[in-house]
């Protein structure tokens, strides 16, 4: 597991400068679609990747695609899923193997003549007035460009450029919302009472790891807490599967809470082993205690590279330790250990990190604050922006943010899952900074959205859409010789439409909520998921 890292510091500093028209920063698929679109239009492209791997979550374990409504997905994003389908012999494939997604993205970049600059971590941004002129990286790399696109999950370029941003949850009163701030709900919640104390029922003994001693704040109040991160694991039952590793620093006490919860009789452990191609899974968080490392990420968004690496490794220890606990610890019921023992890591995925997904699921980090903030009002259709550069359609989905004590029992706080609305426009104003802050920067990932609205926006196909739209807008800014804030939408919209972007949701009855598509049946080579009841 020696190569499983978030940050790879340079072995030597080598000052060098690259001059490009477009500088795209990030490992996400938004960075790749932006780079491809810029290159298609004849521009010199520098794709600066803050990772050793391309493709972010799309190539890093999130293989059971979060869609919402497929008809809201167009452009290069839709082409990506069609290309996956072509390689599997079907029209489109939305549940694919991670290595296949990585292969498509690498092939597209190679065909476009784009050589990604891997393991480059931004440390400074140069500006002349409101115009970015260059970014500098740890390695000594300096990239001059006319248009910059911060397509990172973290939003480091926008922060270094002095662009307004926020971290955490707004209170409901800030934007007139209902679902923001502190939310104590019943999803991914303890279904039976569990003591939070080291000695069950004894507050004087102290709290188990990961449980906050702070009193629960009022419902809807804001804070700086961030929804939990995890790794989307690719698992298999194949004979050549790799066993779950016992991580260095494994501490059985970290899983006492789960042991107690299992003793209550909870049996829905295997619910989110979602089947994908190749007789594999995309295994995600499910239930009160699972792969989400709740509370372990709150300082990640604004932390240094060194501190982020520490947080990354803490997530590795938590999740690898969890899988070891479930498959080996006698505190787990025999049926859990037996069933988990049937699973392991695929030998043909993530081969340079021992089968373990390399991309931490950074569900939310910084969020830009621009002249338009997408909120719950947009998601629910109470308002609709007129300058769409893509559509959102997924649920307002926040994972838990903390564990607290309520009436002597442990409770999870922060999980929200609200469906039942039409696809809605994501405005151009939400992917460009406020006027005067950065005249040539576009932000298709850390978009201007409230915490709860970002829970809907933050889907990988949407990031691909916004990355492509950002590059088209940058192209128009260069043609018009204007700031990105002054790009005329009347000219931008036709260019977006030409590339197949969905920009408006047409429905016979705009007041009727969308009926979400049922989950597609497993691909032909995937058997039905075994019973989770053990």
Protein backbone atom coordinates (compact mmCIF):
# COMPACT_ATOMS: atom_id res chain seq x y z
CA UNK A 1 0.00 0.00 0.00
CA UNK A 2 3.03 2.30 -0.16
CA UNK A 3 1.61 4.25 -3.11
CA UNK A 4 -1.76 4.95 -1.48
CA UNK A 5 -1.35 8.66 -0.82
CA UNK A 6 -3.18 11.90 -1.37
CA UNK A 7 -0.05 14.05 -1.56
CA UNK A 8 3.21 13.14 -3.28
CA UNK A 9 5.74 15.83 -2.36
CA UNK A 10 8.37 16.50 -5.03
CA UNK A 11 11.71 14.77 -4.65
CA UNK A 12 13.43 17.87 -6.05
CA UNK A 13 12.47 21.42 -6.98
CA UNK A 14 12.90 22.15 -10.68
CA UNK A 15 11.87 25.68 -11.72
CA UNK A 16 10.25 25.66 -15.16
CA UNK A 17 7.50 27.59 -16.94
CA UNK A 18 4.84 26.38 -19.33
CA UNK A 19 2.86 28.86 -21.42
CA UNK A 20 -0.66 27.88 -22.43
CA UNK A 21 -3.98 29.41 -23.38
CA UNK A 22 -5.98 27.33 -20.89
CA UNK A 23 -4.72 26.05 -17.55
CA UNK A 24 -6.99 23.38 -16.11
CA UNK A 25 -6.33 22.39 -12.51
CA UNK A 26 -7.60 19.24 -10.82
CA UNK A 27 -7.94 15.48 -11.11
CA UNK A 28 -11.73 15.52 -11.53
CA UNK A 29 -13.49 14.60 -14.78
CA UNK A 30 -14.44 18.29 -15.02
CA UNK A 31 -10.77 19.12 -15.53
CA UNK A 32 -10.61 16.55 -18.33
CA UNK A 33 -13.77 17.67 -20.16
CA UNK A 34 -12.61 21.27 -19.91
CA UNK A 35 -9.20 20.33 -21.30
CA UNK A 36 -10.72 18.33 -24.13
CA UNK A 37 -13.13 21.12 -25.09
CA UNK A 38 -10.39 23.74 -25.07
CA UNK A 39 -8.14 21.53 -27.17
CA UNK A 40 -10.93 20.83 -29.66
CA UNK A 41 -11.15 24.58 -30.20
CA UNK A 42 -7.46 24.81 -31.02
CA UNK A 43 -6.03 26.14 -27.77
CA UNK A 44 -2.80 25.26 -26.02
CA UNK A 45 -3.76 23.32 -22.92
CA UNK A 46 -1.97 22.65 -19.62
CA UNK A 47 -3.78 20.00 -17.57
CA UNK A 48 -2.31 20.27 -14.05
CA UNK A 49 -3.39 17.32 -11.90
CA UNK A 50 -3.16 17.40 -8.10
CA UNK A 51 -2.97 13.60 -7.92
CA UNK A 52 -1.00 10.68 -9.24
CA UNK A 53 -4.16 9.52 -11.05
CA UNK A 54 -6.62 10.97 -13.55
CA UNK A 55 -10.38 11.01 -13.40
CA UNK A 56 -11.15 11.67 -9.74
CA UNK A 57 -14.10 9.67 -8.42
CA UNK A 58 -15.27 8.60 -11.88
CA UNK A 59 -12.10 6.54 -12.28
CA UNK A 60 -11.61 6.11 -8.54
CA UNK A 61 -14.41 3.81 -7.41
CA UNK A 62 -17.68 5.68 -8.01
CA UNK A 63 -18.82 3.32 -10.74
CA UNK A 64 -22.54 3.04 -9.98
CA UNK A 65 -23.21 6.50 -11.39
CA UNK A 66 -25.35 8.94 -9.42
CA UNK A 67 -27.65 10.18 -12.16
CA UNK A 68 -30.95 11.72 -11.09
CA UNK A 69 -32.37 11.91 -14.60
CA UNK A 70 -30.36 10.77 -17.62
CA UNK A 71 -32.06 13.21 -19.96
CA UNK A 72 -30.44 16.08 -18.10
CA UNK A 73 -26.97 14.82 -19.08
CA UNK A 74 -25.56 15.89 -22.44
CA UNK A 75 -22.38 16.93 -24.18
CA UNK A 76 -19.08 15.22 -23.41
CA UNK A 77 -20.57 13.76 -20.23
CA UNK A 78 -23.16 11.79 -22.22
CA UNK A 79 -20.47 10.87 -24.77
CA UNK A 80 -18.38 9.39 -21.95
CA UNK A 81 -21.12 6.98 -20.86
CA UNK A 82 -21.82 6.12 -24.50
CA UNK A 83 -18.16 5.36 -25.07
CA UNK A 84 -18.19 3.08 -22.03
CA UNK A 85 -21.25 1.41 -23.52
CA UNK A 86 -19.50 0.92 -26.85
CA UNK A 87 -16.62 -0.81 -25.12
CA UNK A 88 -19.03 -3.12 -23.28
CA UNK A 89 -21.13 -3.73 -26.40
CA UNK A 90 -24.23 -1.76 -25.34
CA UNK A 91 -25.60 1.71 -26.12
CA UNK A 92 -24.59 3.30 -22.80
CA UNK A 93 -23.05 2.02 -19.58
CA UNK A 94 -23.53 3.80 -16.26
CA UNK A 95 -22.23 0.96 -14.02
CA UNK A 96 -18.73 0.25 -15.16
CA UNK A 97 -15.38 -0.99 -13.88
CA UNK A 98 -13.02 1.71 -12.58
CA UNK A 99 -10.18 0.69 -14.87
CA UNK A 100 -12.45 1.01 -17.89
CA UNK A 101 -13.38 4.60 -16.97
CA UNK A 102 -9.71 5.44 -16.51
CA UNK A 103 -8.89 3.88 -19.87
CA UNK A 104 -11.52 5.96 -21.70
CA UNK A 105 -10.29 9.20 -20.15
CA UNK A 106 -6.63 8.39 -20.86
CA UNK A 107 -7.49 7.45 -24.44
CA UNK A 108 -9.42 10.67 -25.00
CA UNK A 109 -6.55 12.78 -23.71
CA UNK A 110 -4.00 10.88 -25.78
CA UNK A 111 -6.11 11.26 -28.92
CA UNK A 112 -6.36 15.00 -28.23
CA UNK A 113 -2.61 15.28 -27.75
CA UNK A 114 -2.89 16.35 -24.10
CA UNK A 115 -0.17 15.15 -21.74
CA UNK A 116 -1.40 15.54 -18.14
CA UNK A 117 1.01 16.98 -15.59
CA UNK A 118 0.55 14.61 -12.65
CA UNK A 119 1.46 15.12 -8.96
CA UNK A 120 1.43 18.89 -9.21
CA UNK A 121 0.12 20.79 -6.18
CA UNK A 122 -0.60 24.51 -6.41
CA UNK A 123 1.00 26.77 -3.82
CA UNK A 124 0.49 30.27 -5.23
CA UNK A 125 -1.42 32.23 -7.85
CA UNK A 126 0.02 35.27 -9.63
CA UNK A 127 -2.35 38.10 -10.52
CA UNK A 128 -2.28 41.43 -12.27
CA UNK A 129 -5.21 43.30 -10.82
CA UNK A 130 -8.18 40.92 -11.08
CA UNK A 131 -6.53 38.86 -13.83
CA UNK A 132 -4.76 35.60 -13.03
CA UNK A 133 -1.47 35.37 -14.90
CA UNK A 134 0.13 32.18 -13.59
CA UNK A 135 -0.09 29.47 -10.97
CA UNK A 136 2.91 27.97 -9.20
CA UNK A 137 3.26 24.45 -7.85
CA UNK A 138 5.39 22.73 -5.21
CA UNK A 139 7.64 21.12 -7.80
CA UNK A 140 8.76 24.45 -9.25
CA UNK A 141 6.29 24.26 -12.13
CA UNK A 142 4.85 27.62 -13.19
CA UNK A 143 1.99 27.78 -15.69
CA UNK A 144 1.14 30.99 -17.51
CA UNK A 145 -2.26 31.08 -19.19
CA UNK A 146 -5.03 33.35 -20.42
CA UNK A 147 -7.90 31.32 -18.95
CA UNK A 148 -7.78 29.31 -15.71
CA UNK A 149 -10.25 26.63 -14.66
CA UNK A 150 -10.19 25.42 -11.06
CA UNK A 151 -11.73 21.98 -11.52
CA UNK A 152 -10.35 20.55 -8.27
CA UNK A 153 -12.55 19.05 -5.59
CA UNK A 154 -10.79 21.25 -3.04
CA UNK A 155 -10.99 24.73 -4.62
CA UNK A 156 -7.36 25.59 -3.93
CA UNK A 157 -6.85 27.87 -6.94
CA UNK A 158 -9.94 29.94 -6.21
CA UNK A 159 -8.82 30.37 -2.60
CA UNK A 160 -5.29 31.40 -3.54
CA UNK A 161 -6.75 33.83 -6.07
CA UNK A 162 -8.67 35.60 -3.31
CA UNK A 163 -12.09 34.53 -4.53
CA UNK A 164 -14.92 34.60 -1.98
CA UNK A 165 -15.80 31.17 -0.65
CA UNK A 166 -17.19 29.31 2.33
CA UNK A 167 -16.83 25.98 4.14
CA UNK A 168 -19.49 24.15 6.10
CA UNK A 169 -23.23 24.62 6.46
CA UNK A 170 -25.15 27.86 6.31
CA UNK A 171 -28.01 28.38 8.69
CA UNK A 172 -31.41 28.05 7.06
CA UNK A 173 -32.06 31.76 7.54
CA UNK A 174 -29.16 32.77 5.25
CA UNK A 175 -30.88 31.72 2.01
CA UNK A 176 -34.43 31.03 3.17
CA UNK A 177 -33.97 27.24 3.14
CA UNK A 178 -35.42 24.35 5.12
CA UNK A 179 -32.76 21.64 4.85
CA UNK A 180 -29.49 23.45 5.58
CA UNK A 181 -27.58 23.59 8.86
CA UNK A 182 -27.98 21.10 11.70
CA UNK A 183 -30.33 18.25 10.75
CA UNK A 184 -31.14 15.35 13.06
CA UNK A 185 -33.05 12.91 10.85
CA UNK A 186 -33.77 9.20 10.58
CA UNK A 187 -31.75 8.27 7.47
CA UNK A 188 -28.43 6.48 8.08
CA UNK A 189 -29.39 6.65 11.71
CA UNK A 190 -29.16 4.27 14.68
CA UNK A 191 -32.31 2.15 14.58
CA UNK A 192 -31.91 0.99 18.18
CA UNK A 193 -30.45 2.65 21.31
CA UNK A 194 -26.66 2.42 21.58
CA UNK A 195 -24.62 3.77 24.48
CA UNK A 196 -21.95 6.31 23.48
CA UNK A 197 -19.84 5.77 26.60
CA UNK A 198 -16.67 3.72 27.02
CA UNK A 199 -18.45 1.79 29.76
CA UNK A 200 -21.98 1.32 28.54
CA UNK A 201 -24.40 3.57 30.39
CA UNK A 202 -21.64 5.35 32.37
CA UNK A 203 -21.11 9.00 31.30
CA UNK A 204 -18.19 9.30 33.71
CA UNK A 205 -16.20 6.79 31.65
CA UNK A 206 -15.96 9.17 28.69
CA UNK A 207 -17.07 8.89 25.09
CA UNK A 208 -16.14 6.30 22.48
CA UNK A 209 -13.91 7.50 19.60
CA UNK A 210 -15.56 9.77 17.06
CA UNK A 211 -18.42 11.02 19.25
CA UNK A 212 -18.65 14.75 19.93
CA UNK A 213 -18.99 16.02 23.50
CA UNK A 214 -20.55 19.28 22.27
CA UNK A 215 -24.28 19.68 22.83
CA UNK A 216 -26.50 19.39 19.77
CA UNK A 217 -27.04 22.84 18.24
CA UNK A 218 -30.53 24.05 17.29
CA UNK A 219 -32.06 22.57 14.15
CA UNK A 220 -31.20 24.58 11.05
CA UNK A 221 -28.30 26.47 12.62
CA UNK A 222 -25.08 26.92 10.66
CA UNK A 223 -21.57 25.68 11.45
CA UNK A 224 -18.25 24.80 9.82
CA UNK A 225 -18.85 21.05 9.74
CA UNK A 226 -18.35 19.10 6.51
CA UNK A 227 -20.27 16.03 5.41
CA UNK A 228 -18.31 12.80 5.79
CA UNK A 229 -15.83 11.40 3.28
CA UNK A 230 -15.07 7.78 2.41
CA UNK A 231 -13.63 5.56 -0.31
CA UNK A 232 -16.01 4.01 -2.83
CA UNK A 233 -14.69 0.45 -2.68
CA UNK A 234 -14.62 -1.87 -5.67
CA UNK A 235 -15.15 -5.39 -4.30
CA UNK A 236 -15.46 -8.86 -5.77
CA UNK A 237 -16.18 -12.45 -4.83
CA UNK A 238 -13.84 -13.78 -7.53
CA UNK A 239 -11.47 -16.59 -6.58
CA UNK A 240 -8.41 -14.38 -7.16
CA UNK A 241 -9.67 -11.57 -4.91
CA UNK A 242 -7.19 -9.84 -2.64
CA UNK A 243 -7.86 -10.10 1.11
CA UNK A 244 -8.68 -6.99 3.10
CA UNK A 245 -5.45 -5.66 4.62
CA UNK A 246 -5.06 -5.03 8.33
CA UNK A 247 -3.91 -1.39 8.33
CA UNK A 248 -0.93 -0.20 10.30
CA UNK A 249 -2.22 1.48 13.45
CA UNK A 250 -5.41 -0.60 13.58
CA UNK A 251 -7.20 0.01 16.90
CA UNK A 252 -10.10 -2.31 17.81
CA UNK A 253 -11.56 0.43 20.04
CA UNK A 254 -12.44 2.43 16.94
CA UNK A 255 -15.07 -0.19 16.09
CA UNK A 256 -16.66 -0.75 19.50
CA UNK A 257 -19.59 1.42 18.46
CA UNK A 258 -20.24 -0.82 15.46
CA UNK A 259 -19.90 -3.94 17.60
CA UNK A 260 -22.59 -2.62 19.94
CA UNK A 261 -24.84 -1.71 17.03
CA UNK A 262 -24.53 -5.19 15.54
CA UNK A 263 -25.52 -6.62 18.92
CA UNK A 264 -28.84 -4.79 18.62
CA UNK A 265 -29.68 -7.10 15.72
CA UNK A 266 -29.09 -4.74 12.79
CA UNK A 267 -28.65 -6.88 9.67
CA UNK A 268 -28.74 -4.52 6.65
CA UNK A 269 -24.96 -4.48 6.32
CA UNK A 270 -24.70 -5.52 2.68
CA UNK A 271 -27.33 -3.20 1.22
CA UNK A 272 -24.97 -0.88 -0.70
CA UNK A 273 -22.91 -3.53 -2.45
CA UNK A 274 -24.12 -2.16 -5.80
CA UNK A 275 -23.28 -4.45 -8.70
CA UNK A 276 -21.29 -3.12 -11.65
CA UNK A 277 -19.65 -4.74 -14.66
CA UNK A 278 -17.08 -7.48 -14.26
CA UNK A 279 -18.93 -9.19 -11.38
CA UNK A 280 -17.73 -6.42 -9.08
CA UNK A 281 -19.34 -3.80 -6.84
CA UNK A 282 -19.29 -0.13 -6.10
CA UNK A 283 -19.66 -0.39 -2.30
CA UNK A 284 -20.75 2.78 -0.56
CA UNK A 285 -21.68 3.93 2.93
CA UNK A 286 -24.92 2.53 4.37
CA UNK A 287 -26.43 2.64 7.83
CA UNK A 288 -25.54 4.22 11.14
CA UNK A 289 -21.92 3.00 11.17
CA UNK A 290 -20.27 2.29 7.85
CA UNK A 291 -17.49 3.41 5.53
CA UNK A 292 -18.04 7.14 6.14
CA UNK A 293 -15.44 8.39 8.61
CA UNK A 294 -17.84 10.78 10.32
CA UNK A 295 -16.13 13.76 11.91
CA UNK A 296 -12.70 12.94 10.50
CA UNK A 297 -12.57 15.59 7.78
CA UNK A 298 -13.65 18.94 9.17
CA UNK A 299 -10.33 20.73 8.69
CA UNK A 300 -9.57 19.07 5.32
CA UNK A 301 -10.95 21.81 3.01
CA UNK A 302 -8.51 24.50 4.13
CA UNK A 303 -5.66 22.33 5.42
CA UNK A 304 -2.07 22.24 4.13
CA UNK A 305 -0.95 19.47 1.80
CA UNK A 306 0.83 17.77 4.71
CA UNK A 307 -2.23 17.94 6.94
CA UNK A 308 -4.49 16.66 4.17
CA UNK A 309 -2.21 13.67 3.75
CA UNK A 310 -2.62 12.94 7.46
CA UNK A 311 -6.40 13.15 7.14
CA UNK A 312 -6.30 10.95 4.04
CA UNK A 313 -4.30 8.29 5.87
CA UNK A 314 -6.72 8.46 8.82
CA UNK A 315 -9.52 7.66 6.36
CA UNK A 316 -7.49 4.77 4.95
CA UNK A 317 -6.97 3.37 8.47
CA UNK A 318 -10.63 3.79 9.36
CA UNK A 319 -12.04 2.09 6.29
CA UNK A 320 -9.45 -0.65 5.92
CA UNK A 321 -9.75 -1.24 9.64
CA UNK A 322 -13.53 -1.44 9.29
CA UNK A 323 -13.26 -4.16 6.66
CA UNK A 324 -10.75 -6.04 8.81
CA UNK A 325 -13.04 -5.72 11.82
CA UNK A 326 -16.07 -7.03 9.91
CA UNK A 327 -14.22 -10.01 8.51
CA UNK A 328 -12.06 -10.98 11.54
CA UNK A 329 -13.23 -9.57 14.87
CA UNK A 330 -15.05 -12.03 17.16
CA UNK A 331 -17.25 -9.15 18.37
CA UNK A 332 -18.97 -9.41 14.98
CA UNK A 333 -21.68 -12.07 14.63
CA UNK A 334 -20.52 -15.19 12.83
CA UNK A 335 -22.80 -14.49 9.85
CA UNK A 336 -21.11 -11.09 9.34
CA UNK A 337 -17.61 -12.55 9.39
CA UNK A 338 -18.65 -15.41 7.11
CA UNK A 339 -20.34 -13.15 4.56
CA UNK A 340 -17.57 -10.54 4.60
CA UNK A 341 -15.02 -13.30 4.19
CA UNK A 342 -16.55 -14.03 0.79
CA UNK A 343 -15.51 -10.58 -0.45
CA UNK A 344 -12.19 -8.97 -1.26
CA UNK A 345 -10.46 -6.46 -3.53
CA UNK A 346 -10.28 -7.16 -7.29
CA UNK A 347 -6.83 -8.15 -8.45
CA UNK A 348 -7.29 -6.19 -11.70
CA UNK A 349 -8.39 -2.85 -10.23
CA UNK A 350 -6.16 -0.17 -8.70
CA UNK A 351 -3.17 -2.41 -9.29
CA UNK A 352 -0.62 0.14 -8.08
CA UNK A 353 -2.39 0.62 -4.72
CA UNK A 354 -3.03 -3.01 -3.80
CA UNK A 355 -6.60 -3.04 -5.10
CA UNK A 356 -7.71 -0.15 -2.88
CA UNK A 357 -9.36 2.89 -4.51
CA UNK A 358 -6.94 5.81 -4.66
CA UNK A 359 -9.44 8.69 -4.69
CA UNK A 360 -10.89 9.87 -1.40
CA UNK A 361 -14.53 10.86 -1.88
CA UNK A 362 -14.27 14.57 -1.11
CA UNK A 363 -18.00 15.13 -1.11
CA UNK A 364 -17.67 18.81 -0.32
CA UNK A 365 -14.82 21.18 0.48
CA UNK A 366 -14.73 24.87 -0.34
CA UNK A 367 -17.71 26.36 -2.15
CA UNK A 368 -17.37 29.61 -4.06
CA UNK A 369 -19.62 32.55 -3.21
CA UNK A 370 -20.41 34.37 -6.43
CA UNK A 371 -23.11 36.75 -7.62
CA UNK A 372 -25.55 33.80 -7.79
CA UNK A 373 -25.71 31.14 -5.08
CA UNK A 374 -27.63 28.00 -6.06
CA UNK A 375 -29.89 27.09 -3.15
CA UNK A 376 -32.70 24.78 -2.14
CA UNK A 377 -35.04 27.21 -3.92
CA UNK A 378 -33.40 26.32 -7.25
CA UNK A 379 -33.53 22.60 -6.58
CA UNK A 380 -37.21 22.68 -5.66
CA UNK A 381 -38.08 24.85 -8.67
CA UNK A 382 -39.21 27.94 -6.77
CA UNK A 383 -36.85 29.91 -8.98
CA UNK A 384 -35.03 29.09 -12.21
CA UNK A 385 -31.93 30.90 -13.43
CA UNK A 386 -32.01 32.20 -16.99
CA UNK A 387 -28.32 31.57 -17.79
CA UNK A 388 -28.06 27.78 -17.55
CA UNK A 389 -24.80 26.04 -18.40
CA UNK A 390 -26.11 22.63 -17.35
CA UNK A 391 -28.84 20.93 -15.36
CA UNK A 392 -28.84 19.38 -11.92
CA UNK A 393 -31.29 16.60 -11.15
CA UNK A 394 -30.06 14.51 -8.24
CA UNK A 395 -31.57 14.58 -4.76
CA UNK A 396 -30.44 17.08 -2.16
CA UNK A 397 -28.09 14.61 -0.52
CA UNK A 398 -25.85 15.33 2.46
CA UNK A 399 -24.08 12.62 4.41
CA UNK A 400 -23.77 12.83 8.17
CA UNK A 401 -21.48 15.47 9.65
CA UNK A 402 -21.07 14.42 13.28
CA UNK A 403 -21.99 11.96 16.03
CA UNK A 404 -23.59 13.45 19.13
CA UNK A 405 -25.16 12.33 22.38
CA UNK A 406 -28.93 12.77 22.73
CA UNK A 407 -30.69 11.49 25.87
CA UNK A 408 -27.79 9.19 26.73
CA UNK A 409 -27.65 7.54 23.27
CA UNK A 410 -25.44 8.14 20.25
CA UNK A 411 -27.07 9.79 17.23
CA UNK A 412 -25.81 10.74 13.78
CA UNK A 413 -26.43 14.31 12.61
CA UNK A 414 -26.38 15.86 9.18
CA UNK A 415 -27.82 13.24 6.80
CA UNK A 416 -30.43 14.67 4.41
CA UNK A 417 -31.94 12.87 1.42
CA UNK A 418 -34.78 14.72 -0.30
CA UNK A 419 -35.99 13.72 -3.78
CA UNK A 420 -38.95 14.57 -5.96
CA UNK A 421 -38.14 17.64 -8.05
CA UNK A 422 -37.59 18.41 -11.72
CA UNK A 423 -34.15 18.95 -13.25
CA UNK A 424 -33.18 22.57 -12.66
CA UNK A 425 -30.77 25.02 -14.32
CA UNK A 426 -27.28 25.59 -12.92
CA UNK A 427 -26.47 29.18 -13.90
CA UNK A 428 -23.35 30.53 -15.52
CA UNK A 429 -23.11 33.06 -12.70
CA UNK A 430 -22.54 30.19 -10.24
CA UNK A 431 -19.33 29.03 -11.96
CA UNK A 432 -17.65 32.46 -12.25
CA UNK A 433 -16.36 34.57 -9.33
CA UNK A 434 -17.87 37.87 -8.28
CA UNK A 435 -17.07 40.71 -10.60
CA UNK A 436 -13.69 42.21 -9.73
CA UNK A 437 -12.29 39.16 -7.93
CA UNK A 438 -10.92 37.04 -10.80
CA UNK A 439 -11.55 38.08 -14.39
CA UNK A 440 -10.35 34.91 -16.12
CA UNK A 441 -11.15 32.09 -13.68
CA UNK A 442 -13.98 29.56 -13.98
CA UNK A 443 -14.98 27.10 -11.23
CA UNK A 444 -17.05 24.09 -12.40
CA UNK A 445 -16.65 21.89 -9.29
CA UNK A 446 -16.58 24.09 -6.17
CA UNK A 447 -19.51 26.03 -7.58
CA UNK A 448 -21.39 28.80 -5.83
CA UNK A 449 -24.07 26.83 -3.97
CA UNK A 450 -25.38 26.46 -0.46
CA UNK A 451 -24.42 23.32 1.42
CA UNK A 452 -27.72 21.57 0.81
CA UNK A 453 -28.01 22.57 -2.85
CA UNK A 454 -24.41 21.47 -3.42
CA UNK A 455 -25.57 18.04 -2.22
CA UNK A 456 -27.58 17.87 -5.45
CA UNK A 457 -25.09 19.58 -7.77
CA UNK A 458 -22.05 17.52 -6.69
CA UNK A 459 -22.49 14.57 -9.06
CA UNK A 460 -19.73 13.42 -11.39
CA UNK A 461 -21.79 13.74 -14.62
CA UNK A 462 -22.70 17.31 -13.62
CA UNK A 463 -19.05 18.13 -13.02
CA UNK A 464 -18.25 16.85 -16.53
CA UNK A 465 -21.03 19.02 -17.95
CA UNK A 466 -19.88 22.13 -16.10
CA UNK A 467 -16.24 21.53 -17.03
CA UNK A 468 -17.08 21.49 -20.73
CA UNK A 469 -19.34 24.54 -20.38
CA UNK A 470 -16.59 26.40 -18.51
CA UNK A 471 -14.15 25.81 -21.36
CA UNK A 472 -16.68 27.03 -23.93
CA UNK A 473 -17.24 30.17 -21.84
CA UNK A 474 -13.49 30.69 -21.60
CA UNK A 475 -13.24 30.39 -25.37
CA UNK A 476 -15.92 33.04 -25.79
CA UNK A 477 -14.20 35.34 -23.27
CA UNK A 478 -11.05 35.20 -25.40
CA UNK A 479 -12.99 35.85 -28.60
CA UNK A 480 -14.85 38.77 -27.07
CA UNK A 481 -11.73 40.03 -25.25
CA UNK A 482 -13.71 40.37 -22.05
CA UNK A 483 -13.76 39.05 -18.50
CA UNK A 484 -15.57 35.80 -17.83
CA UNK A 485 -18.17 37.85 -15.93
CA UNK A 486 -18.91 39.81 -19.11
CA UNK A 487 -19.31 36.83 -21.45
CA UNK A 488 -22.61 37.49 -23.27
CA UNK A 489 -24.96 34.65 -22.46
CA UNK A 490 -26.87 35.27 -25.68
CA UNK A 491 -23.72 34.13 -27.51
CA UNK A 492 -22.75 31.43 -25.00
CA UNK A 493 -26.04 29.55 -25.04
CA UNK A 494 -25.94 28.62 -28.76
CA UNK A 495 -22.39 27.33 -28.39
CA UNK A 496 -23.45 25.15 -25.46
CA UNK A 497 -26.44 23.85 -27.39
CA UNK A 498 -24.24 22.99 -30.37
CA UNK A 499 -22.22 20.70 -28.11
CA UNK A 500 -25.35 18.92 -26.88
CA UNK A 501 -25.66 20.44 -23.42
CA UNK A 502 -29.12 20.14 -21.86
CA UNK A 503 -30.06 23.64 -20.72
CA UNK A 504 -33.80 23.58 -20.06
CA UNK A 505 -36.12 20.92 -18.71
CA UNK A 506 -39.22 20.60 -20.85
CA UNK A 507 -42.18 18.94 -19.17
CA UNK A 508 -45.91 19.10 -20.00
CA UNK A 509 -46.73 20.02 -16.41
CA UNK A 510 -43.95 22.07 -14.79
CA UNK A 511 -45.64 21.83 -11.39
CA UNK A 512 -45.53 18.03 -11.28
CA UNK A 513 -42.42 16.52 -9.67
CA UNK A 514 -40.21 14.30 -11.75
CA UNK A 515 -40.73 10.59 -11.28
CA UNK A 516 -37.24 9.25 -10.71
CA UNK A 517 -36.18 6.41 -12.93
CA UNK A 518 -36.10 3.04 -11.18
CA UNK A 519 -32.70 1.54 -10.63
CA UNK A 520 -31.59 -0.16 -13.81
CA UNK A 521 -31.30 -3.96 -13.76
CA UNK A 522 -27.77 -5.34 -13.33
CA UNK A 523 -25.72 -5.66 -16.53
CA UNK A 524 -26.01 -8.99 -18.28
CA UNK A 525 -22.82 -10.40 -16.79
CA UNK A 526 -23.82 -9.59 -13.20
CA UNK A 527 -25.95 -11.95 -11.10
CA UNK A 528 -28.56 -10.58 -8.74
CA UNK A 529 -27.14 -9.29 -5.46
CA UNK A 530 -27.22 -12.04 -2.81
CA UNK A 531 -29.60 -11.57 0.08
CA UNK A 532 -28.31 -9.08 2.62
CA UNK A 533 -30.00 -11.01 5.40
CA UNK A 534 -27.24 -13.57 5.77
